Amino acid sequence: MSSEIASLTLRALRRVLRATEIGSRRLASTTGLTPSQWLVLREIGSRDAATPGAVANTLQFSQATITAIVDRLEELGLVQRRRGDRDKRQVILSALPAGQVALVDSPDLLQTNFTERFAQLPLWEQSMLLAAAERLSVLMDAQHIDAAPLLDSGAIDRSEPA
């Protein structure tokens, strides 16, 4: 019985991994972006004056990761950097028209669907799922791997979709 439950658990994990992979491919084919690039673009596009620090804080990414992703988004002509009006040391990020189009044209991101559905669960069920996922990471010797809260299997700051 235990091996059957283990097999069913592995199948469920595999479905999650495949869903992540399929969602990433769909996003890449539509926009040419990785999930992390899309999230950064969405965060920049949702603010009047986004700073790299605010974006990093909201998405729980490092400053270095945000810099690498914004570099790529800027190369693609989706965002721009400018200096602050009052404080020239401050960098302000904004989405360019092509960036806004990419956000509108992108498919529903797996991350967004998960977050919305997860928020609708009762707190006890959210806690139970968190505990089970944390336990799975321990069983897989993955508890010390640094990971951003992002449904993507590739490096978070890669420049090209997988």
C-alpha atoms as a PDB file:
ATOM      1  CA  MET A   1       0.000   0.000   0.000  1.00  0.00           C
ATOM      2  CA  SER A   2       2.805   2.442   0.865  1.00  0.00           C
ATOM      3  CA  SER A   3       4.489   1.975  -2.547  1.00  0.00           C
ATOM      4  CA  GLU A   4       1.132   2.616  -4.259  1.00  0.00           C
ATOM      5  CA  ILE A   5       0.721   5.895  -2.362  1.00  0.00           C
ATOM      6  CA  ALA A   6       4.327   6.810  -3.202  1.00  0.00           C
ATOM      7  CA  SER A   7       3.642   6.132  -6.885  1.00  0.00           C
ATOM      8  CA  LEU A   8       0.463   8.223  -6.806  1.00  0.00           C
ATOM      9  CA  THR A   9       2.366  11.043  -5.096  1.00  0.00           C
ATOM     10  CA  LEU A  10       5.115  10.914  -7.728  1.00  0.00           C
ATOM     11  CA  ARG A  11       2.466  11.003 -10.477  1.00  0.00           C
ATOM     12  CA  ALA A  12       0.909  14.087  -8.894  1.00  0.00           C
ATOM     13  CA  LEU A  13       4.343  15.733  -8.687  1.00  0.00           C
ATOM     14  CA  ARG A  14       4.994  14.866 -12.311  1.00  0.00           C
ATOM     15  CA  ARG A  15       1.703  16.496 -13.338  1.00  0.00           C
ATOM     16  CA  VAL A  16       2.731  19.672 -11.503  1.00  0.00           C
ATOM     17  CA  LEU A  17       6.129  19.649 -13.232  1.00  0.00           C
ATOM     18  CA  ARG A  18       4.528  19.066 -16.633  1.00  0.00           C
ATOM     19  CA  ALA A  19       1.946  21.818 -16.051  1.00  0.00           C
ATOM     20  CA  THR A  20       4.799  24.188 -15.211  1.00  0.00           C
ATOM     21  CA  GLU A  21       6.699  23.191 -18.341  1.00  0.00           C
ATOM     22  CA  ILE A  22       3.624  23.517 -20.590  1.00  0.00           C
ATOM     23  CA  GLY A  23       2.734  26.904 -19.109  1.00  0.00           C
ATOM     24  CA  SER A  24       6.285  28.161 -19.633  1.00  0.00           C
ATOM     25  CA  ARG A  25       6.297  26.984 -23.252  1.00  0.00           C
ATOM     26  CA  ARG A  26       2.917  28.599 -23.936  1.00  0.00           C
ATOM     27  CA  LEU A  27       4.143  31.892 -22.489  1.00  0.00           C
ATOM     28  CA  ALA A  28       7.401  31.707 -24.454  1.00  0.00           C
ATOM     29  CA  SER A  29       5.652  30.975 -27.751  1.00  0.00           C
ATOM     30  CA  THR A  30       3.213  33.863 -27.267  1.00  0.00           C
ATOM     31  CA  THR A  31       5.508  36.527 -25.831  1.00  0.00           C
ATOM     32  CA  GLY A  32       9.093  35.256 -26.079  1.00  0.00           C
ATOM     33  CA  LEU A  33       9.392  35.757 -22.311  1.00  0.00           C
ATOM     34  CA  THR A  34      10.282  33.507 -19.421  1.00  0.00           C
ATOM     35  CA  PRO A  35       7.819  33.379 -16.499  1.00  0.00           C
ATOM     36  CA  SER A  36      10.142  35.490 -14.340  1.00  0.00           C
ATOM     37  CA  GLN A  37      10.491  38.110 -17.086  1.00  0.00           C
ATOM     38  CA  TRP A  38       6.702  38.194 -17.481  1.00  0.00           C
ATOM     39  CA  LEU A  39       6.197  38.660 -13.724  1.00  0.00           C
ATOM     40  CA  VAL A  40       8.727  41.501 -13.597  1.00  0.00           C
ATOM     41  CA  LEU A  41       7.128  43.144 -16.639  1.00  0.00           C
ATOM     42  CA  ARG A  42       3.672  42.770 -15.069  1.00  0.00           C
ATOM     43  CA  GLU A  43       4.871  44.318 -11.818  1.00  0.00           C
ATOM     44  CA  ILE A  44       6.493  47.243 -13.649  1.00  0.00           C
ATOM     45  CA  GLY A  45       3.405  47.705 -15.827  1.00  0.00           C
ATOM     46  CA  SER A  46       1.096  47.798 -12.819  1.00  0.00           C
ATOM     47  CA  ARG A  47       2.877  50.785 -11.236  1.00  0.00           C
ATOM     48  CA  ASP A  48       3.196  54.410 -12.277  1.00  0.00           C
ATOM     49  CA  ALA A  49       6.787  54.617 -11.086  1.00  0.00           C
ATOM     50  CA  ALA A  50       8.367  51.281 -10.263  1.00  0.00           C
ATOM     51  CA  THR A  51      11.780  51.086  -8.664  1.00  0.00           C
ATOM     52  CA  PRO A  52      13.958  47.982  -8.925  1.00  0.00           C
ATOM     53  CA  GLY A  53      13.888  47.649  -5.131  1.00  0.00           C
ATOM     54  CA  ALA A  54      10.094  47.743  -4.953  1.00  0.00           C
ATOM     55  CA  VAL A  55       9.794  45.161  -7.731  1.00  0.00           C
ATOM     56  CA  ALA A  56      12.365  42.909  -6.021  1.00  0.00           C
ATOM     57  CA  ASN A  57      10.564  43.234  -2.700  1.00  0.00           C
ATOM     58  CA  THR A  58       7.114  42.484  -4.126  1.00  0.00           C
ATOM     59  CA  LEU A  59       8.267  39.466  -6.143  1.00  0.00           C
ATOM     60  CA  GLN A  60      10.743  38.258  -3.496  1.00  0.00           C
ATOM     61  CA  PHE A  61      13.578  38.260  -6.063  1.00  0.00           C
ATOM     62  CA  SER A  62      17.080  39.508  -5.347  1.00  0.00           C
ATOM     63  CA  GLN A  63      18.185  42.934  -6.590  1.00  0.00           C
ATOM     64  CA  ALA A  64      20.744  41.223  -8.854  1.00  0.00           C
ATOM     65  CA  THR A  65      18.030  39.050 -10.397  1.00  0.00           C
ATOM     66  CA  ILE A  66      15.809  42.077 -11.049  1.00  0.00           C
ATOM     67  CA  THR A  67      18.741  43.890 -12.679  1.00  0.00           C
ATOM     68  CA  ALA A  68      19.438  40.936 -14.998  1.00  0.00           C
ATOM     69  CA  ILE A  69      15.766  40.561 -15.930  1.00  0.00           C
ATOM     70  CA  VAL A  70      15.268  44.299 -16.504  1.00  0.00           C
ATOM     71  CA  ASP A  71      18.414  44.319 -18.684  1.00  0.00           C
ATOM     72  CA  ARG A  72      16.787  41.685 -20.892  1.00  0.00           C
ATOM     73  CA  LEU A  73      13.376  43.415 -20.923  1.00  0.00           C
ATOM     74  CA  GLU A  74      15.107  46.651 -21.904  1.00  0.00           C
ATOM     75  CA  GLU A  75      16.993  44.873 -24.734  1.00  0.00           C
ATOM     76  CA  LEU A  76      13.639  43.571 -25.984  1.00  0.00           C
ATOM     77  CA  GLY A  77      12.182  47.095 -25.997  1.00  0.00           C
ATOM     78  CA  LEU A  78       9.560  46.260 -23.373  1.00  0.00           C
ATOM     79  CA  VAL A  79      10.679  48.503 -20.485  1.00  0.00           C
ATOM     80  CA  GLN A  80      12.764  51.593 -19.974  1.00  0.00           C
ATOM     81  CA  ARG A  81      14.903  52.932 -17.161  1.00  0.00           C
ATOM     82  CA  ARG A  82      15.079  56.612 -16.320  1.00  0.00           C
ATOM     83  CA  ARG A  83      16.437  58.672 -13.478  1.00  0.00           C
ATOM     84  CA  GLY A  84      14.114  60.045 -10.838  1.00  0.00           C
ATOM     85  CA  ASP A  85      13.013  63.655 -11.229  1.00  0.00           C
ATOM     86  CA  ARG A  86      13.813  64.672  -7.654  1.00  0.00           C
ATOM     87  CA  ASP A  87      16.585  62.201  -6.865  1.00  0.00           C
ATOM     88  CA  LYS A  88      18.837  61.474  -9.832  1.00  0.00           C
ATOM     89  CA  ARG A  89      20.279  58.439  -8.017  1.00  0.00           C
ATOM     90  CA  GLN A  90      16.900  56.725  -8.123  1.00  0.00           C
ATOM     91  CA  VAL A  91      16.081  54.500 -11.111  1.00  0.00           C
ATOM     92  CA  ILE A  92      12.478  54.457 -12.295  1.00  0.00           C
ATOM     93  CA  LEU A  93      11.205  51.581 -14.431  1.00  0.00           C
ATOM     94  CA  SER A  94       8.261  51.830 -16.781  1.00  0.00           C
ATOM     95  CA  ALA A  95       6.661  49.561 -19.343  1.00  0.00           C
ATOM     96  CA  LEU A  96       6.867  50.733 -22.935  1.00  0.00           C
ATOM     97  CA  PRO A  97       3.901  50.262 -25.319  1.00  0.00           C
ATOM     98  CA  ALA A  98       5.380  46.967 -26.589  1.00  0.00           C
ATOM     99  CA  GLY A  99       5.569  45.782 -22.973  1.00  0.00           C
ATOM    100  CA  GLN A 100       1.920  46.621 -22.385  1.00  0.00           C
ATOM    101  CA  VAL A 101       0.999  44.701 -25.547  1.00  0.00           C
ATOM    102  CA  ALA A 102       3.014  41.679 -24.357  1.00  0.00           C
ATOM    103  CA  LEU A 103       1.097  41.718 -21.067  1.00  0.00           C
ATOM    104  CA  VAL A 104      -2.287  41.912 -22.789  1.00  0.00           C
ATOM    105  CA  ASP A 105      -1.412  39.225 -25.346  1.00  0.00           C
ATOM    106  CA  SER A 106       0.059  36.743 -22.884  1.00  0.00           C
ATOM    107  CA  PRO A 107      -1.865  33.607 -21.936  1.00  0.00           C
ATOM    108  CA  ASP A 108      -3.100  33.049 -18.409  1.00  0.00           C
ATOM    109  CA  LEU A 109       0.031  32.396 -16.437  1.00  0.00           C
ATOM    110  CA  LEU A 110      -0.016  29.248 -14.323  1.00  0.00           C
ATOM    111  CA  GLN A 111       1.356  31.297 -11.433  1.00  0.00           C
ATOM    112  CA  THR A 112      -1.586  33.720 -11.541  1.00  0.00           C
ATOM    113  CA  ASN A 113      -4.157  30.930 -11.661  1.00  0.00           C
ATOM    114  CA  PHE A 114      -2.493  29.109  -8.770  1.00  0.00           C
ATOM    115  CA  THR A 115      -2.256  32.232  -6.609  1.00  0.00           C
ATOM    116  CA  GLU A 116      -5.904  33.154  -7.168  1.00  0.00           C
ATOM    117  CA  ARG A 117      -7.178  29.634  -6.500  1.00  0.00           C
ATOM    118  CA  PHE A 118      -4.893  29.124  -3.504  1.00  0.00           C
ATOM    119  CA  ALA A 119      -6.163  32.363  -1.926  1.00  0.00           C
ATOM    120  CA  GLN A 120      -9.722  30.997  -2.106  1.00  0.00           C
ATOM    121  CA  LEU A 121      -8.841  27.964   0.012  1.00  0.00           C
ATOM    122  CA  PRO A 122      -9.493  28.054   3.757  1.00  0.00           C
ATOM    123  CA  LEU A 123      -6.424  28.921   5.832  1.00  0.00           C
ATOM    124  CA  TRP A 124      -6.222  25.397   7.299  1.00  0.00           C
ATOM    125  CA  GLU A 125      -6.026  23.918   3.783  1.00  0.00           C
ATOM    126  CA  GLN A 126      -3.416  26.466   2.669  1.00  0.00           C
ATOM    127  CA  SER A 127      -1.346  25.534   5.728  1.00  0.00           C
ATOM    128  CA  MET A 128      -1.767  21.825   5.045  1.00  0.00           C
ATOM    129  CA  LEU A 129      -0.589  22.222   1.436  1.00  0.00           C
ATOM    130  CA  LEU A 130       2.394  24.297   2.545  1.00  0.00           C
ATOM    131  CA  ALA A 131       3.363  21.682   5.125  1.00  0.00           C
ATOM    132  CA  ALA A 132       3.055  18.866   2.569  1.00  0.00           C
ATOM    133  CA  ALA A 133       5.102  20.773  -0.037  1.00  0.00           C
ATOM    134  CA  GLU A 134       7.808  21.582   2.534  1.00  0.00           C
ATOM    135  CA  ARG A 135       7.903  17.933   3.584  1.00  0.00           C
ATOM    136  CA  LEU A 136       8.229  16.853  -0.061  1.00  0.00           C
ATOM    137  CA  SER A 137      11.194  19.194  -0.484  1.00  0.00           C
ATOM    138  CA  VAL A 138      12.867  17.535   2.513  1.00  0.00           C
ATOM    139  CA  LEU A 139      12.162  14.043   1.164  1.00  0.00           C
ATOM    140  CA  MET A 140      13.804  15.096  -2.097  1.00  0.00           C
ATOM    141  CA  ASP A 141      16.812  16.711  -0.339  1.00  0.00           C
ATOM    142  CA  ALA A 142      15.764  20.036  -1.850  1.00  0.00           C
ATOM    143  CA  GLN A 143      15.101  22.035   1.310  1.00  0.00           C
ATOM    144  CA  HIS A 144      18.335  24.043   0.979  1.00  0.00           C
ATOM    145  CA  ILE A 145      17.872  24.987  -2.664  1.00  0.00           C
ATOM    146  CA  ASP A 146      17.233  28.707  -3.026  1.00  0.00           C
ATOM    147  CA  ALA A 147      13.988  29.239  -4.921  1.00  0.00           C
ATOM    148  CA  ALA A 148      11.862  32.270  -5.664  1.00  0.00           C
ATOM    149  CA  PRO A 149       8.066  31.973  -5.358  1.00  0.00           C
ATOM    150  CA  LEU A 150       7.722  31.263  -9.065  1.00  0.00           C
ATOM    151  CA  LEU A 151       6.317  28.315 -11.012  1.00  0.00           C
ATOM    152  CA  ASP A 152       9.177  27.768 -13.449  1.00  0.00           C
ATOM    153  CA  SER A 153      11.730  25.025 -13.760  1.00  0.00           C
ATOM    154  CA  GLY A 154      14.581  27.034 -15.296  1.00  0.00           C
ATOM    155  CA  ALA A 155      17.064  29.490 -13.850  1.00  0.00           C
ATOM    156  CA  ILE A 156      15.129  32.530 -12.673  1.00  0.00           C
ATOM    157  CA  ASP A 157      17.380  35.065 -14.419  1.00  0.00           C
ATOM    158  CA  ARG A 158      17.904  33.219 -17.712  1.00  0.00           C
ATOM    159  CA  SER A 159      17.635  35.498 -20.714  1.00  0.00           C
ATOM    160  CA  GLU A 160      15.888  33.088 -23.090  1.00  0.00           C
ATOM    161  CA  PRO A 161      12.831  30.867 -22.591  1.00  0.00           C
ATOM    162  CA  ALA A 162      13.613  27.185 -22.334  1.00  0.00           C
END
